[in-house]
Amino acid sequence: MRTDLNHWMNLCAHFPGVMQIAEWHARLMAAYAEPQRAYHTLQHLEECLAEYDRAIQTGEINNPLELECALWFHDAVYDPQGSGNEEKSAELALEFLAGDEASPRVTQLVLLTRDHRPRGGPYDAWMADIDLSIFGQDLARVREYEYQIRQEYSWVDWSLYREKRLEILASFLARERLYQTAFFHKQYEDRARSHLRALIAELEAVRVRGSGI
């Protein structure tokens, strides 16, 4: 698995100030296995790291390890009934990096996942595109993702959930570009937009359903 201890140790070797490497790995594995998660799990992290591995093959990412570190931590804290998940995840990354000079860049990448809008950092667009790459997967996986999101918000009344979820999906579809890097734009833009339209149509067609899509 891409999230196994060996891969984690290879990453940590590039951050010399990091301590308790195995303990940090166990901590992350436990976090991504928490019961309130359905989408934001190891499955999602594995998928993100697989996309990262493809992205670095382009040769366009000069210091990919900072991006990889941010991906490991970007959903380390996830409570669908809470707030500040990205901030808390960034704080955890900061604690892990223990003052490494990469700390501010890594934490900024984690914080970027609040709205997936690049702010000028060299890896911002890659971070946003990797986290949104789910929309470009095959339709069966996209529908599974949508069902998993509903599971995470099963405590929300269906009518309210449907309304808010439609707003979120429509906001992505309204973007001039869903993917900012040329690599992901070419790979996924058209398919992702088609999938977003399909998800929106399915939600609009359903008036009452308590268990999700």
N, C-alpha and C. Protein backbone atom coordinates (compact mmCIF):
# COMPACT_ATOMS: atom_id res chain seq x y z
N MET A 1 0.84 -1.20 0.00
CA MET A 1 0.00 0.00 0.00
C MET A 1 0.87 1.26 0.00
N ARG A 2 0.37 2.28 -0.65
CA ARG A 2 1.12 3.53 -0.73
C ARG A 2 1.22 4.23 0.63
N THR A 3 0.34 3.87 1.54
CA THR A 3 0.34 4.48 2.87
C THR A 3 1.07 3.61 3.91
N ASP A 4 1.83 2.62 3.45
CA ASP A 4 2.48 1.74 4.43
C ASP A 4 3.67 2.44 5.09
N LEU A 5 4.21 1.79 6.11
CA LEU A 5 5.27 2.39 6.92
C LEU A 5 6.53 2.65 6.10
N ASN A 6 6.86 1.78 5.16
CA ASN A 6 8.07 1.98 4.37
C ASN A 6 8.00 3.26 3.54
N HIS A 7 6.86 3.51 2.91
CA HIS A 7 6.70 4.74 2.14
C HIS A 7 6.78 5.96 3.07
N TRP A 8 6.17 5.84 4.22
CA TRP A 8 6.21 6.93 5.19
C TRP A 8 7.64 7.21 5.66
N MET A 9 8.39 6.18 5.92
CA MET A 9 9.78 6.34 6.36
C MET A 9 10.63 6.98 5.27
N ASN A 10 10.38 6.62 4.02
CA ASN A 10 11.10 7.24 2.90
C ASN A 10 10.84 8.74 2.86
N LEU A 11 9.60 9.14 3.10
CA LEU A 11 9.28 10.56 3.14
C LEU A 11 9.97 11.24 4.32
N CYS A 12 9.86 10.65 5.48
CA CYS A 12 10.39 11.27 6.70
C CYS A 12 11.91 11.43 6.64
N ALA A 13 12.59 10.61 5.87
CA ALA A 13 14.04 10.70 5.77
C ALA A 13 14.49 12.05 5.23
N HIS A 14 13.61 12.74 4.55
CA HIS A 14 13.95 14.03 3.96
C HIS A 14 13.65 15.20 4.90
N PHE A 15 13.12 14.90 6.08
CA PHE A 15 12.85 15.93 7.09
C PHE A 15 13.63 15.55 8.34
N PRO A 16 14.90 15.97 8.44
CA PRO A 16 15.80 15.44 9.47
C PRO A 16 15.39 15.72 10.91
N GLY A 17 14.56 16.71 11.14
CA GLY A 17 14.17 17.02 12.50
C GLY A 17 13.03 16.18 13.04
N VAL A 18 12.44 15.37 12.19
CA VAL A 18 11.28 14.57 12.59
C VAL A 18 11.70 13.46 13.54
N MET A 19 10.90 13.30 14.59
CA MET A 19 11.16 12.26 15.58
C MET A 19 9.96 11.31 15.65
N GLN A 20 10.17 10.15 16.24
CA GLN A 20 9.09 9.18 16.48
C GLN A 20 8.34 8.86 15.18
N ILE A 21 9.07 8.46 14.19
CA ILE A 21 8.51 8.27 12.84
C ILE A 21 7.42 7.19 12.84
N ALA A 22 7.70 6.05 13.44
CA ALA A 22 6.71 4.97 13.46
C ALA A 22 5.46 5.38 14.24
N GLU A 23 5.66 6.12 15.32
CA GLU A 23 4.52 6.56 16.13
C GLU A 23 3.64 7.53 15.34
N TRP A 24 4.26 8.41 14.57
CA TRP A 24 3.48 9.33 13.75
C TRP A 24 2.69 8.58 12.68
N HIS A 25 3.29 7.58 12.10
CA HIS A 25 2.58 6.79 11.10
C HIS A 25 1.37 6.11 11.73
N ALA A 26 1.55 5.51 12.89
CA ALA A 26 0.44 4.85 13.57
C ALA A 26 -0.65 5.85 13.92
N ARG A 27 -0.25 7.04 14.29
CA ARG A 27 -1.21 8.09 14.63
C ARG A 27 -2.05 8.48 13.42
N LEU A 28 -1.40 8.63 12.28
CA LEU A 28 -2.14 8.97 11.06
C LEU A 28 -3.05 7.83 10.62
N MET A 29 -2.56 6.60 10.70
CA MET A 29 -3.38 5.46 10.31
C MET A 29 -4.64 5.38 11.17
N ALA A 30 -4.49 5.64 12.45
CA ALA A 30 -5.63 5.62 13.36
C ALA A 30 -6.60 6.74 13.03
N ALA A 31 -6.06 7.91 12.69
CA ALA A 31 -6.92 9.05 12.37
C ALA A 31 -7.77 8.77 11.15
N TYR A 32 -7.15 8.24 10.10
CA TYR A 32 -7.90 8.00 8.86
C TYR A 32 -8.86 6.81 8.97
N ALA A 33 -8.78 6.07 10.07
CA ALA A 33 -9.69 4.95 10.30
C ALA A 33 -10.80 5.29 11.29
N GLU A 34 -10.92 6.54 11.69
CA GLU A 34 -11.93 6.92 12.67
C GLU A 34 -13.34 6.64 12.16
N PRO A 35 -14.26 6.30 13.07
CA PRO A 35 -15.59 5.83 12.65
C PRO A 35 -16.48 6.89 12.00
N GLN A 36 -16.21 8.17 12.20
CA GLN A 36 -17.04 9.21 11.60
C GLN A 36 -16.72 9.44 10.12
N ARG A 37 -15.71 8.75 9.63
CA ARG A 37 -15.27 8.93 8.26
C ARG A 37 -15.87 7.86 7.35
N ALA A 38 -16.23 8.25 6.13
CA ALA A 38 -16.64 7.30 5.11
C ALA A 38 -15.87 7.55 3.82
N TYR A 39 -15.70 8.83 3.48
CA TYR A 39 -14.87 9.19 2.32
C TYR A 39 -13.46 9.58 2.73
N HIS A 40 -13.33 10.37 3.77
CA HIS A 40 -12.02 10.90 4.17
C HIS A 40 -11.24 9.86 4.97
N THR A 41 -10.97 8.76 4.31
CA THR A 41 -10.36 7.58 4.92
C THR A 41 -9.03 7.28 4.24
N LEU A 42 -8.44 6.13 4.58
CA LEU A 42 -7.23 5.70 3.90
C LEU A 42 -7.45 5.51 2.41
N GLN A 43 -8.66 5.15 2.01
CA GLN A 43 -8.96 5.02 0.58
C GLN A 43 -8.69 6.35 -0.13
N HIS A 44 -9.17 7.43 0.45
CA HIS A 44 -8.94 8.76 -0.14
C HIS A 44 -7.46 9.11 -0.14
N LEU A 45 -6.77 8.85 0.96
CA LEU A 45 -5.35 9.15 1.02
C LEU A 45 -4.57 8.33 0.00
N GLU A 46 -4.90 7.05 -0.12
CA GLU A 46 -4.26 6.20 -1.13
C GLU A 46 -4.48 6.77 -2.53
N GLU A 47 -5.69 7.19 -2.81
CA GLU A 47 -6.00 7.75 -4.13
C GLU A 47 -5.22 9.04 -4.38
N CYS A 48 -5.14 9.88 -3.36
CA CYS A 48 -4.38 11.13 -3.51
C CYS A 48 -2.91 10.86 -3.76
N LEU A 49 -2.33 9.92 -3.04
CA LEU A 49 -0.92 9.62 -3.21
C LEU A 49 -0.65 8.95 -4.56
N ALA A 50 -1.61 8.19 -5.06
CA ALA A 50 -1.47 7.61 -6.40
C ALA A 50 -1.45 8.71 -7.45
N GLU A 51 -2.31 9.70 -7.30
CA GLU A 51 -2.32 10.83 -8.22
C GLU A 51 -1.03 11.65 -8.10
N TYR A 52 -0.55 11.80 -6.88
CA TYR A 52 0.72 12.48 -6.65
C TYR A 52 1.85 11.77 -7.38
N ASP A 53 1.89 10.44 -7.28
CA ASP A 53 2.94 9.68 -7.95
C ASP A 53 2.89 9.89 -9.46
N ARG A 54 1.70 9.99 -10.01
CA ARG A 54 1.56 10.26 -11.44
C ARG A 54 2.01 11.69 -11.75
N ALA A 55 1.66 12.61 -10.88
CA ALA A 55 1.97 14.03 -11.12
C ALA A 55 3.47 14.28 -11.14
N ILE A 56 4.22 13.64 -10.23
CA ILE A 56 5.66 13.93 -10.17
C ILE A 56 6.39 13.38 -11.40
N GLN A 57 5.76 12.47 -12.11
CA GLN A 57 6.37 11.96 -13.33
C GLN A 57 6.43 13.01 -14.44
N THR A 58 5.66 14.08 -14.27
CA THR A 58 5.70 15.17 -15.26
C THR A 58 7.01 15.94 -15.19
N GLY A 59 7.70 15.87 -14.06
CA GLY A 59 8.92 16.63 -13.88
C GLY A 59 8.69 18.10 -13.62
N GLU A 60 7.45 18.48 -13.38
CA GLU A 60 7.12 19.90 -13.19
C GLU A 60 7.09 20.32 -11.72
N ILE A 61 7.29 19.38 -10.81
CA ILE A 61 7.25 19.69 -9.38
C ILE A 61 8.68 19.59 -8.85
N ASN A 62 9.27 20.73 -8.53
CA ASN A 62 10.69 20.78 -8.20
C ASN A 62 11.01 20.16 -6.84
N ASN A 63 10.14 20.34 -5.88
CA ASN A 63 10.37 19.80 -4.53
C ASN A 63 9.11 19.05 -4.09
N PRO A 64 8.89 17.87 -4.66
CA PRO A 64 7.60 17.19 -4.44
C PRO A 64 7.36 16.71 -3.02
N LEU A 65 8.40 16.58 -2.20
CA LEU A 65 8.23 15.99 -0.87
C LEU A 65 7.39 16.87 0.04
N GLU A 66 7.45 18.17 -0.15
CA GLU A 66 6.59 19.07 0.63
C GLU A 66 5.13 18.83 0.27
N LEU A 67 4.88 18.63 -1.00
CA LEU A 67 3.52 18.33 -1.46
C LEU A 67 3.06 16.99 -0.91
N GLU A 68 3.93 16.00 -0.96
CA GLU A 68 3.55 14.69 -0.43
C GLU A 68 3.24 14.76 1.06
N CYS A 69 4.06 15.49 1.80
CA CYS A 69 3.82 15.63 3.24
C CYS A 69 2.47 16.28 3.50
N ALA A 70 2.15 17.31 2.75
CA ALA A 70 0.86 17.98 2.91
C ALA A 70 -0.30 17.03 2.61
N LEU A 71 -0.13 16.17 1.64
CA LEU A 71 -1.19 15.21 1.31
C LEU A 71 -1.42 14.23 2.46
N TRP A 72 -0.35 13.76 3.07
CA TRP A 72 -0.50 12.83 4.20
C TRP A 72 -1.31 13.47 5.32
N PHE A 73 -1.15 14.78 5.51
CA PHE A 73 -1.77 15.44 6.66
C PHE A 73 -3.07 16.18 6.33
N HIS A 74 -3.45 16.28 5.07
CA HIS A 74 -4.51 17.24 4.73
C HIS A 74 -5.87 16.91 5.32
N ASP A 75 -6.12 15.64 5.62
CA ASP A 75 -7.36 15.26 6.30
C ASP A 75 -7.07 14.52 7.60
N ALA A 76 -5.93 14.81 8.20
CA ALA A 76 -5.55 14.11 9.44
C ALA A 76 -6.57 14.36 10.55
N VAL A 77 -7.16 15.53 10.55
CA VAL A 77 -8.26 15.84 11.46
C VAL A 77 -9.51 16.03 10.62
N TYR A 78 -10.52 15.22 10.89
CA TYR A 78 -11.76 15.34 10.12
C TYR A 78 -12.95 14.98 10.99
N ASP A 79 -13.73 15.98 11.32
CA ASP A 79 -14.97 15.81 12.07
C ASP A 79 -16.08 16.53 11.32
N PRO A 80 -16.96 15.79 10.64
CA PRO A 80 -18.01 16.45 9.85
C PRO A 80 -18.98 17.28 10.68
N GLN A 81 -19.00 17.07 11.98
CA GLN A 81 -19.86 17.87 12.84
C GLN A 81 -19.09 19.01 13.53
N GLY A 82 -17.81 19.11 13.21
CA GLY A 82 -16.99 20.14 13.83
C GLY A 82 -16.62 21.23 12.83
N SER A 83 -15.66 22.05 13.20
CA SER A 83 -15.18 23.12 12.33
C SER A 83 -13.68 23.22 12.48
N GLY A 84 -13.06 23.89 11.53
CA GLY A 84 -11.63 24.08 11.60
C GLY A 84 -10.81 22.83 11.34
N ASN A 85 -11.35 21.89 10.58
CA ASN A 85 -10.62 20.66 10.31
C ASN A 85 -9.28 20.92 9.63
N GLU A 86 -9.29 21.80 8.64
CA GLU A 86 -8.05 22.08 7.90
C GLU A 86 -7.03 22.76 8.81
N GLU A 87 -7.49 23.70 9.63
CA GLU A 87 -6.58 24.37 10.56
C GLU A 87 -5.96 23.38 11.55
N LYS A 88 -6.77 22.48 12.05
CA LYS A 88 -6.28 21.49 13.01
C LYS A 88 -5.34 20.49 12.33
N SER A 89 -5.64 20.15 11.09
CA SER A 89 -4.74 19.27 10.33
C SER A 89 -3.40 19.96 10.09
N ALA A 90 -3.46 21.25 9.75
CA ALA A 90 -2.23 22.02 9.54
C ALA A 90 -1.41 22.10 10.83
N GLU A 91 -2.08 22.26 11.96
CA GLU A 91 -1.38 22.30 13.24
C GLU A 91 -0.68 20.98 13.53
N LEU A 92 -1.33 19.88 13.14
CA LEU A 92 -0.72 18.57 13.34
C LEU A 92 0.51 18.42 12.45
N ALA A 93 0.43 18.89 11.22
CA ALA A 93 1.60 18.85 10.33
C ALA A 93 2.73 19.70 10.89
N LEU A 94 2.39 20.83 11.45
CA LEU A 94 3.39 21.72 12.06
C LEU A 94 4.08 21.03 13.23
N GLU A 95 3.30 20.34 14.04
CA GLU A 95 3.86 19.59 15.17
C GLU A 95 4.80 18.49 14.67
N PHE A 96 4.38 17.79 13.63
CA PHE A 96 5.19 16.71 13.06
C PHE A 96 6.52 17.22 12.52
N LEU A 97 6.50 18.34 11.80
CA LEU A 97 7.69 18.85 11.14
C LEU A 97 8.69 19.46 12.11
N ALA A 98 8.26 19.76 13.31
CA ALA A 98 9.16 20.14 14.40
C ALA A 98 10.14 21.25 14.01
N GLY A 99 9.61 22.29 13.38
CA GLY A 99 10.45 23.43 13.06
C GLY A 99 11.22 23.33 11.77
N ASP A 100 11.01 22.30 10.99
CA ASP A 100 11.68 22.19 9.69
C ASP A 100 11.36 23.41 8.84
N GLU A 101 12.30 23.83 8.01
CA GLU A 101 12.09 25.05 7.22
C GLU A 101 10.94 24.90 6.21
N ALA A 102 10.52 23.68 5.94
CA ALA A 102 9.39 23.46 5.04
C ALA A 102 8.04 23.68 5.72
N SER A 103 8.02 23.83 7.03
CA SER A 103 6.77 23.88 7.80
C SER A 103 5.75 24.88 7.26
N PRO A 104 6.11 26.14 7.02
CA PRO A 104 5.09 27.08 6.56
C PRO A 104 4.52 26.73 5.19
N ARG A 105 5.33 26.16 4.33
CA ARG A 105 4.84 25.80 2.99
C ARG A 105 3.91 24.59 3.06
N VAL A 106 4.27 23.62 3.88
CA VAL A 106 3.42 22.43 4.02
C VAL A 106 2.08 22.80 4.65
N THR A 107 2.11 23.57 5.71
CA THR A 107 0.86 23.94 6.39
C THR A 107 -0.02 24.79 5.48
N GLN A 108 0.59 25.64 4.66
CA GLN A 108 -0.21 26.43 3.73
C GLN A 108 -0.91 25.55 2.71
N LEU A 109 -0.25 24.50 2.27
CA LEU A 109 -0.88 23.56 1.33
C LEU A 109 -2.06 22.84 1.98
N VAL A 110 -1.90 22.45 3.23
CA VAL A 110 -3.01 21.81 3.94
C VAL A 110 -4.19 22.76 4.05
N LEU A 111 -3.91 24.02 4.40
CA LEU A 111 -4.98 25.01 4.54
C LEU A 111 -5.68 25.30 3.22
N LEU A 112 -4.98 25.13 2.13
CA LEU A 112 -5.56 25.40 0.81
C LEU A 112 -6.76 24.51 0.52
N THR A 113 -6.83 23.35 1.17
CA THR A 113 -7.94 22.43 0.90
C THR A 113 -9.26 22.91 1.49
N ARG A 114 -9.26 24.06 2.16
CA ARG A 114 -10.52 24.64 2.60
C ARG A 114 -11.40 25.01 1.42
N ASP A 115 -10.79 25.55 0.36
CA ASP A 115 -11.59 25.98 -0.79
C ASP A 115 -10.98 25.58 -2.14
N HIS A 116 -9.81 24.93 -2.10
CA HIS A 116 -9.15 24.45 -3.33
C HIS A 116 -8.92 25.56 -4.34
N ARG A 117 -8.53 26.74 -3.84
CA ARG A 117 -8.22 27.87 -4.72
C ARG A 117 -6.75 28.24 -4.52
N PRO A 118 -5.91 28.00 -5.52
CA PRO A 118 -4.49 28.33 -5.41
C PRO A 118 -4.26 29.79 -5.08
N ARG A 119 -3.23 30.03 -4.27
CA ARG A 119 -2.92 31.40 -3.84
C ARG A 119 -1.51 31.83 -4.23
N GLY A 120 -0.97 31.18 -5.24
CA GLY A 120 0.31 31.62 -5.76
C GLY A 120 1.51 30.81 -5.35
N GLY A 121 1.33 29.88 -4.43
CA GLY A 121 2.44 29.01 -4.03
C GLY A 121 2.80 28.06 -5.17
N PRO A 122 4.04 27.60 -5.22
CA PRO A 122 4.48 26.78 -6.36
C PRO A 122 3.76 25.44 -6.49
N TYR A 123 3.19 24.94 -5.39
CA TYR A 123 2.51 23.64 -5.44
C TYR A 123 1.02 23.74 -5.16
N ASP A 124 0.53 24.97 -5.05
CA ASP A 124 -0.89 25.17 -4.71
C ASP A 124 -1.81 24.46 -5.70
N ALA A 125 -1.58 24.68 -6.98
CA ALA A 125 -2.46 24.11 -8.00
C ALA A 125 -2.42 22.59 -7.99
N TRP A 126 -1.23 22.03 -7.75
CA TRP A 126 -1.11 20.58 -7.68
C TRP A 126 -1.89 20.02 -6.50
N MET A 127 -1.79 20.69 -5.36
CA MET A 127 -2.50 20.25 -4.16
C MET A 127 -4.00 20.26 -4.39
N ALA A 128 -4.51 21.35 -4.93
CA ALA A 128 -5.94 21.47 -5.19
C ALA A 128 -6.40 20.42 -6.19
N ASP A 129 -5.65 20.25 -7.25
CA ASP A 129 -6.06 19.32 -8.31
C ASP A 129 -6.06 17.88 -7.82
N ILE A 130 -5.05 17.52 -7.04
CA ILE A 130 -5.00 16.15 -6.52
C ILE A 130 -6.19 15.88 -5.61
N ASP A 131 -6.52 16.83 -4.74
CA ASP A 131 -7.64 16.60 -3.81
C ASP A 131 -8.98 16.56 -4.54
N LEU A 132 -9.07 17.24 -5.68
CA LEU A 132 -10.32 17.23 -6.46
C LEU A 132 -10.32 16.17 -7.56
N SER A 133 -9.28 15.38 -7.64
CA SER A 133 -9.18 14.40 -8.72
C SER A 133 -10.28 13.35 -8.65
N ILE A 134 -10.93 13.21 -7.51
CA ILE A 134 -12.02 12.23 -7.38
C ILE A 134 -13.09 12.43 -8.43
N PHE A 135 -13.37 13.68 -8.80
CA PHE A 135 -14.42 13.94 -9.78
C PHE A 135 -14.07 13.40 -11.17
N GLY A 136 -12.80 13.16 -11.42
CA GLY A 136 -12.39 12.65 -12.72
C GLY A 136 -12.24 11.15 -12.80
N GLN A 137 -12.54 10.45 -11.70
CA GLN A 137 -12.46 8.99 -11.72
C GLN A 137 -13.66 8.41 -12.49
N ASP A 138 -13.70 7.10 -12.61
CA ASP A 138 -14.84 6.51 -13.32
C ASP A 138 -16.13 6.80 -12.54
N LEU A 139 -17.24 6.78 -13.26
CA LEU A 139 -18.50 7.23 -12.68
C LEU A 139 -18.92 6.40 -11.47
N ALA A 140 -18.61 5.11 -11.51
CA ALA A 140 -18.97 4.26 -10.36
C ALA A 140 -18.25 4.73 -9.10
N ARG A 141 -16.99 5.09 -9.23
CA ARG A 141 -16.24 5.59 -8.07
C ARG A 141 -16.75 6.96 -7.63
N VAL A 142 -17.12 7.79 -8.57
CA VAL A 142 -17.65 9.11 -8.22
C VAL A 142 -18.97 8.96 -7.47
N ARG A 143 -19.80 8.04 -7.89
CA ARG A 143 -21.06 7.82 -7.18
C ARG A 143 -20.81 7.23 -5.80
N GLU A 144 -19.82 6.36 -5.69
CA GLU A 144 -19.45 5.83 -4.37
C GLU A 144 -18.99 6.97 -3.47
N TYR A 145 -18.16 7.86 -4.01
CA TYR A 145 -17.72 9.04 -3.25
C TYR A 145 -18.91 9.85 -2.76
N GLU A 146 -19.87 10.08 -3.63
CA GLU A 146 -21.03 10.90 -3.25
C GLU A 146 -21.83 10.22 -2.14
N TYR A 147 -21.95 8.91 -2.22
CA TYR A 147 -22.63 8.16 -1.17
C TYR A 147 -21.85 8.25 0.14
N GLN A 148 -20.52 8.18 0.05
CA GLN A 148 -19.69 8.27 1.25
C GLN A 148 -19.82 9.64 1.92
N ILE A 149 -19.89 10.69 1.12
CA ILE A 149 -20.08 12.03 1.70
C ILE A 149 -21.42 12.09 2.43
N ARG A 150 -22.45 11.52 1.84
CA ARG A 150 -23.75 11.49 2.52
C ARG A 150 -23.67 10.72 3.83
N GLN A 151 -22.92 9.64 3.86
CA GLN A 151 -22.75 8.89 5.10
C GLN A 151 -22.12 9.75 6.18
N GLU A 152 -21.13 10.55 5.81
CA GLU A 152 -20.48 11.40 6.78
C GLU A 152 -21.41 12.48 7.32
N TYR A 153 -22.41 12.82 6.53
CA TYR A 153 -23.38 13.84 6.95
C TYR A 153 -24.77 13.24 7.16
N SER A 154 -24.81 12.00 7.57
CA SER A 154 -26.10 11.32 7.77
C SER A 154 -26.90 11.96 8.90
N TRP A 155 -26.25 12.72 9.75
CA TRP A 155 -26.92 13.40 10.86
C TRP A 155 -27.68 14.64 10.40
N VAL A 156 -27.48 15.04 9.14
CA VAL A 156 -28.16 16.22 8.59
C VAL A 156 -29.45 15.77 7.91
N ASP A 157 -30.53 16.48 8.18
CA ASP A 157 -31.81 16.20 7.51
C ASP A 157 -31.61 16.15 6.00
N TRP A 158 -32.24 15.15 5.36
CA TRP A 158 -32.01 14.93 3.93
C TRP A 158 -32.31 16.16 3.08
N SER A 159 -33.40 16.84 3.34
CA SER A 159 -33.77 17.99 2.52
C SER A 159 -32.71 19.09 2.60
N LEU A 160 -32.23 19.34 3.81
CA LEU A 160 -31.19 20.36 3.98
C LEU A 160 -29.89 19.90 3.36
N TYR A 161 -29.56 18.65 3.56
CA TYR A 161 -28.34 18.12 2.96
C TYR A 161 -28.38 18.25 1.45
N ARG A 162 -29.48 17.85 0.86
CA ARG A 162 -29.63 17.91 -0.60
C ARG A 162 -29.44 19.33 -1.10
N GLU A 163 -30.06 20.28 -0.42
CA GLU A 163 -29.95 21.69 -0.83
C GLU A 163 -28.50 22.17 -0.78
N LYS A 164 -27.82 21.90 0.32
CA LYS A 164 -26.45 22.36 0.49
C LYS A 164 -25.49 21.62 -0.43
N ARG A 165 -25.73 20.34 -0.62
CA ARG A 165 -24.86 19.56 -1.50
C ARG A 165 -24.99 20.04 -2.95
N LEU A 166 -26.19 20.35 -3.37
CA LEU A 166 -26.39 20.90 -4.70
C LEU A 166 -25.61 22.20 -4.88
N GLU A 167 -25.62 23.04 -3.85
CA GLU A 167 -24.88 24.31 -3.90
C GLU A 167 -23.38 24.05 -4.08
N ILE A 168 -22.86 23.08 -3.35
CA ILE A 168 -21.42 22.79 -3.42
C ILE A 168 -21.06 22.26 -4.80
N LEU A 169 -21.82 21.29 -5.30
CA LEU A 169 -21.52 20.72 -6.60
C LEU A 169 -21.65 21.76 -7.71
N ALA A 170 -22.67 22.58 -7.61
CA ALA A 170 -22.87 23.63 -8.62
C ALA A 170 -21.73 24.64 -8.58
N SER A 171 -21.20 24.92 -7.40
CA SER A 171 -20.10 25.89 -7.30
C SER A 171 -18.84 25.35 -7.98
N PHE A 172 -18.60 24.06 -7.88
CA PHE A 172 -17.47 23.48 -8.60
C PHE A 172 -17.71 23.56 -10.11
N LEU A 173 -18.90 23.21 -10.53
CA LEU A 173 -19.20 23.22 -11.95
C LEU A 173 -19.11 24.62 -12.54
N ALA A 174 -19.38 25.64 -11.74
CA ALA A 174 -19.37 27.02 -12.22
C ALA A 174 -17.96 27.58 -12.38
N ARG A 175 -16.96 26.90 -11.87
CA ARG A 175 -15.60 27.40 -12.00
C ARG A 175 -15.17 27.40 -13.46
N GLU A 176 -14.40 28.42 -13.83
CA GLU A 176 -13.91 28.49 -15.21
C GLU A 176 -13.03 27.30 -15.53
N ARG A 177 -12.20 26.92 -14.58
CA ARG A 177 -11.38 25.71 -14.67
C ARG A 177 -11.50 24.97 -13.36
N LEU A 178 -11.83 23.70 -13.44
CA LEU A 178 -11.88 22.89 -12.22
C LEU A 178 -10.45 22.49 -11.82
N TYR A 179 -9.62 22.20 -12.81
CA TYR A 179 -8.24 21.80 -12.58
C TYR A 179 -7.30 22.87 -13.12
N GLN A 180 -6.37 23.29 -12.29
CA GLN A 180 -5.51 24.42 -12.63
C GLN A 180 -4.23 24.01 -13.37
N THR A 181 -3.72 22.83 -13.10
CA THR A 181 -2.51 22.39 -13.79
C THR A 181 -2.88 21.84 -15.17
N ALA A 182 -1.98 22.00 -16.10
CA ALA A 182 -2.23 21.49 -17.45
C ALA A 182 -2.39 19.97 -17.43
N PHE A 183 -1.62 19.31 -16.56
CA PHE A 183 -1.66 17.85 -16.48
C PHE A 183 -3.05 17.35 -16.10
N PHE A 184 -3.59 17.85 -14.99
CA PHE A 184 -4.89 17.37 -14.54
C PHE A 184 -6.03 17.93 -15.39
N HIS A 185 -5.85 19.12 -15.91
CA HIS A 185 -6.88 19.68 -16.79
C HIS A 185 -7.07 18.78 -18.00
N LYS A 186 -5.99 18.35 -18.60
CA LYS A 186 -6.07 17.47 -19.76
C LYS A 186 -6.64 16.11 -19.38
N GLN A 187 -6.24 15.60 -18.22
CA GLN A 187 -6.65 14.26 -17.81
C GLN A 187 -8.13 14.19 -17.42
N TYR A 188 -8.61 15.21 -16.69
CA TYR A 188 -9.88 15.04 -15.99
C TYR A 188 -10.94 16.11 -16.22
N GLU A 189 -10.60 17.26 -16.78
CA GLU A 189 -11.54 18.38 -16.80
C GLU A 189 -12.88 18.00 -17.42
N ASP A 190 -12.88 17.47 -18.63
CA ASP A 190 -14.14 17.19 -19.32
C ASP A 190 -14.93 16.11 -18.60
N ARG A 191 -14.25 15.06 -18.19
CA ARG A 191 -14.94 13.96 -17.51
C ARG A 191 -15.49 14.41 -16.16
N ALA A 192 -14.72 15.19 -15.43
CA ALA A 192 -15.18 15.67 -14.13
C ALA A 192 -16.42 16.54 -14.27
N ARG A 193 -16.44 17.40 -15.27
CA ARG A 193 -17.62 18.25 -15.48
C ARG A 193 -18.84 17.40 -15.84
N SER A 194 -18.63 16.38 -16.64
CA SER A 194 -19.73 15.48 -16.98
C SER A 194 -20.25 14.77 -15.73
N HIS A 195 -19.35 14.36 -14.86
CA HIS A 195 -19.75 13.68 -13.63
C HIS A 195 -20.47 14.63 -12.67
N LEU A 196 -20.00 15.87 -12.59
CA LEU A 196 -20.68 16.85 -11.74
C LEU A 196 -22.10 17.10 -12.23
N ARG A 197 -22.26 17.21 -13.53
CA ARG A 197 -23.61 17.40 -14.08
C ARG A 197 -24.49 16.21 -13.76
N ALA A 198 -23.92 15.00 -13.82
CA ALA A 198 -24.69 13.80 -13.51
C ALA A 198 -25.10 13.77 -12.03
N LEU A 199 -24.19 14.12 -11.15
CA LEU A 199 -24.51 14.13 -9.72
C LEU A 199 -25.59 15.16 -9.41
N ILE A 200 -25.47 16.32 -10.02
CA ILE A 200 -26.48 17.37 -9.81
C ILE A 200 -27.84 16.92 -10.32
N ALA A 201 -27.87 16.31 -11.49
CA ALA A 201 -29.14 15.84 -12.05
C ALA A 201 -29.76 14.78 -11.15
N GLU A 202 -28.95 13.89 -10.60
CA GLU A 202 -29.48 12.84 -9.73
C GLU A 202 -30.04 13.42 -8.44
N LEU A 203 -29.36 14.40 -7.88
CA LEU A 203 -29.87 15.04 -6.67
C LEU A 203 -31.15 15.82 -6.95
N GLU A 204 -31.19 16.50 -8.07
CA GLU A 204 -32.39 17.27 -8.41
C GLU A 204 -33.59 16.37 -8.66
N ALA A 205 -33.34 15.14 -9.09
CA ALA A 205 -34.43 14.22 -9.40
C ALA A 205 -34.98 13.55 -8.16
N VAL A 206 -34.25 13.64 -7.07
CA VAL A 206 -34.66 12.96 -5.85
C VAL A 206 -35.17 14.00 -4.85
N ARG A 207 -36.40 13.89 -4.45
CA ARG A 207 -36.98 14.85 -3.51
C ARG A 207 -36.85 14.39 -2.06
N VAL A 208 -37.02 13.12 -1.83
CA VAL A 208 -36.94 12.61 -0.46
C VAL A 208 -36.18 11.31 -0.47
N ARG A 209 -35.07 11.30 0.23
CA ARG A 209 -34.34 10.06 0.43
C ARG A 209 -33.49 10.22 1.67
N GLY A 210 -33.61 9.34 2.59
CA GLY A 210 -32.92 9.53 3.86
C GLY A 210 -31.55 8.90 3.92
N SER A 211 -31.22 7.99 2.97
CA SER A 211 -29.97 7.26 3.12
C SER A 211 -28.88 7.72 2.18
N GLY A 212 -29.16 8.67 1.33
CA GLY A 212 -28.12 9.17 0.44
C GLY A 212 -28.30 8.70 -0.97
N ILE A 213 -27.25 8.89 -1.76
CA ILE A 213 -27.32 8.62 -3.20
C ILE A 213 -26.86 7.19 -3.48
